[in-house]
Amino acid sequence: MSDAMTWVALFGLAGISVLTRSFFMIGEKPLPIPDWLRELLKVAPLAALVAVVAPEIFMTQGQVITTWQDARWPAAVAATLYFFWRKDILGTILVGMAVMLPLKLGLGW
């Protein structure tokens, strides 16, 4: 792909992004959204997060992990327990990494 085509693609994607996001601000009155759709939109971020995180915990190289000696499992359990105890996102990430790094670097899991 040439430099010109790269710039055309970048500006085109930026334009499409601005256009689609501005549809909500163009109208004078809010768009009517059905109640069932409003309820589904409340859980959409959680569903997207699970869709990204779950394969990272349960799969490697496209295959389901079959051994317990994987540093991601104890780290996920420890992070989950910490989150339910303290309800702190930053602490959850730090606890997960504090469990995973020694297992991965120290034991070679």
C-alpha atoms as a PDB file:
ATOM      1  CA  MET A   1       0.000   0.000   0.000  1.00  0.00           C
ATOM      2  CA  SER A   2       1.388   3.377  -0.955  1.00  0.00           C
ATOM      3  CA  ASP A   3       1.726   6.342   1.384  1.00  0.00           C
ATOM      4  CA  ALA A   4      -1.139   8.142  -0.342  1.00  0.00           C
ATOM      5  CA  MET A   5      -3.467   5.188   0.101  1.00  0.00           C
ATOM      6  CA  THR A   6      -2.490   4.922   3.763  1.00  0.00           C
ATOM      7  CA  TRP A   7      -3.435   8.574   4.328  1.00  0.00           C
ATOM      8  CA  VAL A   8      -6.693   8.139   2.401  1.00  0.00           C
ATOM      9  CA  ALA A   9      -7.544   5.146   4.591  1.00  0.00           C
ATOM     10  CA  LEU A  10      -6.698   7.028   7.792  1.00  0.00           C
ATOM     11  CA  PHE A  11      -8.747  10.093   6.895  1.00  0.00           C
ATOM     12  CA  GLY A  12     -11.585   7.936   5.606  1.00  0.00           C
ATOM     13  CA  LEU A  13     -11.751   5.940   8.848  1.00  0.00           C
ATOM     14  CA  ALA A  14     -11.558   9.126  10.902  1.00  0.00           C
ATOM     15  CA  GLY A  15     -14.377  10.681   8.858  1.00  0.00           C
ATOM     16  CA  ILE A  16     -16.578   7.620   9.194  1.00  0.00           C
ATOM     17  CA  SER A  17     -15.925   7.521  12.941  1.00  0.00           C
ATOM     18  CA  VAL A  18     -16.823  11.196  13.412  1.00  0.00           C
ATOM     19  CA  LEU A  19     -19.921  10.875  11.229  1.00  0.00           C
ATOM     20  CA  THR A  20     -21.312   7.796  12.974  1.00  0.00           C
ATOM     21  CA  ARG A  21     -20.636   9.181  16.450  1.00  0.00           C
ATOM     22  CA  SER A  22     -22.201  12.539  15.638  1.00  0.00           C
ATOM     23  CA  PHE A  23     -25.587  11.099  14.649  1.00  0.00           C
ATOM     24  CA  PHE A  24     -26.571  11.183  18.314  1.00  0.00           C
ATOM     25  CA  MET A  25     -25.855  14.919  18.513  1.00  0.00           C
ATOM     26  CA  ILE A  26     -27.429  16.002  15.227  1.00  0.00           C
ATOM     27  CA  GLY A  27     -31.082  15.683  16.236  1.00  0.00           C
ATOM     28  CA  GLU A  28     -32.859  18.235  18.405  1.00  0.00           C
ATOM     29  CA  LYS A  29     -34.665  15.675  20.515  1.00  0.00           C
ATOM     30  CA  PRO A  30     -33.315  12.397  21.901  1.00  0.00           C
ATOM     31  CA  LEU A  31     -33.803   9.229  19.916  1.00  0.00           C
ATOM     32  CA  PRO A  32     -36.452   6.954  21.388  1.00  0.00           C
ATOM     33  CA  ILE A  33     -34.854   3.750  22.635  1.00  0.00           C
ATOM     34  CA  PRO A  34     -37.019   0.790  23.656  1.00  0.00           C
ATOM     35  CA  ASP A  35     -36.723  -0.278  27.297  1.00  0.00           C
ATOM     36  CA  TRP A  36     -35.442  -3.737  26.366  1.00  0.00           C
ATOM     37  CA  LEU A  37     -32.604  -2.193  24.330  1.00  0.00           C
ATOM     38  CA  ARG A  38     -31.745   0.204  27.151  1.00  0.00           C
ATOM     39  CA  GLU A  39     -31.426  -2.765  29.533  1.00  0.00           C
ATOM     40  CA  LEU A  40     -29.183  -4.626  27.088  1.00  0.00           C
ATOM     41  CA  LEU A  41     -26.949  -1.593  26.641  1.00  0.00           C
ATOM     42  CA  LYS A  42     -26.326  -1.518  30.395  1.00  0.00           C
ATOM     43  CA  VAL A  43     -24.567  -4.892  30.294  1.00  0.00           C
ATOM     44  CA  ALA A  44     -22.789  -4.420  26.935  1.00  0.00           C
ATOM     45  CA  PRO A  45     -19.478  -3.185  28.444  1.00  0.00           C
ATOM     46  CA  LEU A  46     -19.338  -6.157  30.808  1.00  0.00           C
ATOM     47  CA  ALA A  47     -20.072  -8.578  27.971  1.00  0.00           C
ATOM     48  CA  ALA A  48     -17.324  -7.018  25.855  1.00  0.00           C
ATOM     49  CA  LEU A  49     -14.850  -7.241  28.740  1.00  0.00           C
ATOM     50  CA  VAL A  50     -15.662 -10.911  29.338  1.00  0.00           C
ATOM     51  CA  ALA A  51     -15.303 -11.622  25.611  1.00  0.00           C
ATOM     52  CA  VAL A  52     -11.786 -10.167  25.683  1.00  0.00           C
ATOM     53  CA  VAL A  53     -10.552 -11.487  29.048  1.00  0.00           C
ATOM     54  CA  ALA A  54     -11.986 -15.033  29.111  1.00  0.00           C
ATOM     55  CA  PRO A  55     -10.011 -16.381  26.129  1.00  0.00           C
ATOM     56  CA  GLU A  56      -6.826 -14.930  27.630  1.00  0.00           C
ATOM     57  CA  ILE A  57      -7.417 -16.862  30.854  1.00  0.00           C
ATOM     58  CA  PHE A  58      -8.711 -20.166  29.500  1.00  0.00           C
ATOM     59  CA  MET A  59      -6.903 -20.544  26.164  1.00  0.00           C
ATOM     60  CA  THR A  60      -3.391 -20.454  24.755  1.00  0.00           C
ATOM     61  CA  GLN A  61      -2.462 -20.720  21.075  1.00  0.00           C
ATOM     62  CA  GLY A  62      -6.138 -21.330  20.253  1.00  0.00           C
ATOM     63  CA  GLN A  63      -6.370 -24.390  22.510  1.00  0.00           C
ATOM     64  CA  VAL A  64      -8.048 -24.759  25.893  1.00  0.00           C
ATOM     65  CA  ILE A  65      -5.524 -24.962  28.727  1.00  0.00           C
ATOM     66  CA  THR A  66      -5.534 -28.483  30.176  1.00  0.00           C
ATOM     67  CA  THR A  67      -2.872 -28.156  32.876  1.00  0.00           C
ATOM     68  CA  TRP A  68      -3.207 -26.473  36.251  1.00  0.00           C
ATOM     69  CA  GLN A  69       0.374 -25.191  35.981  1.00  0.00           C
ATOM     70  CA  ASP A  70      -0.524 -22.008  34.183  1.00  0.00           C
ATOM     71  CA  ALA A  71       0.156 -18.729  35.975  1.00  0.00           C
ATOM     72  CA  ARG A  72      -3.017 -17.110  34.634  1.00  0.00           C
ATOM     73  CA  TRP A  73      -5.414 -19.318  36.625  1.00  0.00           C
ATOM     74  CA  PRO A  74      -4.099 -18.597  40.143  1.00  0.00           C
ATOM     75  CA  ALA A  75      -3.702 -14.936  39.195  1.00  0.00           C
ATOM     76  CA  ALA A  76      -7.310 -14.748  37.999  1.00  0.00           C
ATOM     77  CA  VAL A  77      -8.572 -16.449  41.159  1.00  0.00           C
ATOM     78  CA  ALA A  78      -6.533 -14.163  43.434  1.00  0.00           C
ATOM     79  CA  ALA A  79      -7.608 -11.048  41.533  1.00  0.00           C
ATOM     80  CA  THR A  80     -11.265 -12.108  41.650  1.00  0.00           C
ATOM     81  CA  LEU A  81     -11.126 -12.764  45.393  1.00  0.00           C
ATOM     82  CA  TYR A  82      -9.448  -9.405  45.972  1.00  0.00           C
ATOM     83  CA  PHE A  83     -12.072  -7.621  43.905  1.00  0.00           C
ATOM     84  CA  PHE A  84     -14.953  -9.151  45.863  1.00  0.00           C
ATOM     85  CA  TRP A  85     -13.166  -8.256  49.111  1.00  0.00           C
ATOM     86  CA  ARG A  86     -12.182  -4.637  48.344  1.00  0.00           C
ATOM     87  CA  LYS A  87     -14.097  -3.594  45.174  1.00  0.00           C
ATOM     88  CA  ASP A  88     -10.968  -1.854  43.873  1.00  0.00           C
ATOM     89  CA  ILE A  89     -10.034  -2.182  40.190  1.00  0.00           C
ATOM     90  CA  LEU A  90      -6.437  -0.986  40.468  1.00  0.00           C
ATOM     91  CA  GLY A  91      -5.812  -3.293  43.422  1.00  0.00           C
ATOM     92  CA  THR A  92      -7.342  -6.162  41.474  1.00  0.00           C
ATOM     93  CA  ILE A  93      -4.905  -5.625  38.617  1.00  0.00           C
ATOM     94  CA  LEU A  94      -1.955  -5.311  40.993  1.00  0.00           C
ATOM     95  CA  VAL A  95      -2.882  -8.481  42.919  1.00  0.00           C
ATOM     96  CA  GLY A  96      -3.302 -10.436  39.691  1.00  0.00           C
ATOM     97  CA  MET A  97       0.073  -9.296  38.426  1.00  0.00           C
ATOM     98  CA  ALA A  98       1.708  -9.887  41.832  1.00  0.00           C
ATOM     99  CA  VAL A  99       0.562 -13.516  41.695  1.00  0.00           C
ATOM    100  CA  MET A 100       1.233 -14.113  38.012  1.00  0.00           C
ATOM    101  CA  LEU A 101       4.733 -12.646  37.672  1.00  0.00           C
ATOM    102  CA  PRO A 102       6.463 -14.785  40.337  1.00  0.00           C
ATOM    103  CA  LEU A 103       4.776 -17.919  38.994  1.00  0.00           C
ATOM    104  CA  LYS A 104       5.720 -17.103  35.425  1.00  0.00           C
ATOM    105  CA  LEU A 105       9.231 -15.755  36.021  1.00  0.00           C
ATOM    106  CA  GLY A 106      10.194 -17.726  39.118  1.00  0.00           C
ATOM    107  CA  LEU A 107       8.661 -21.138  38.410  1.00  0.00           C
ATOM    108  CA  GLY A 108       8.490 -20.879  34.632  1.00  0.00           C
ATOM    109  CA  TRP A 109       4.775 -21.624  34.407  1.00  0.00           C
END
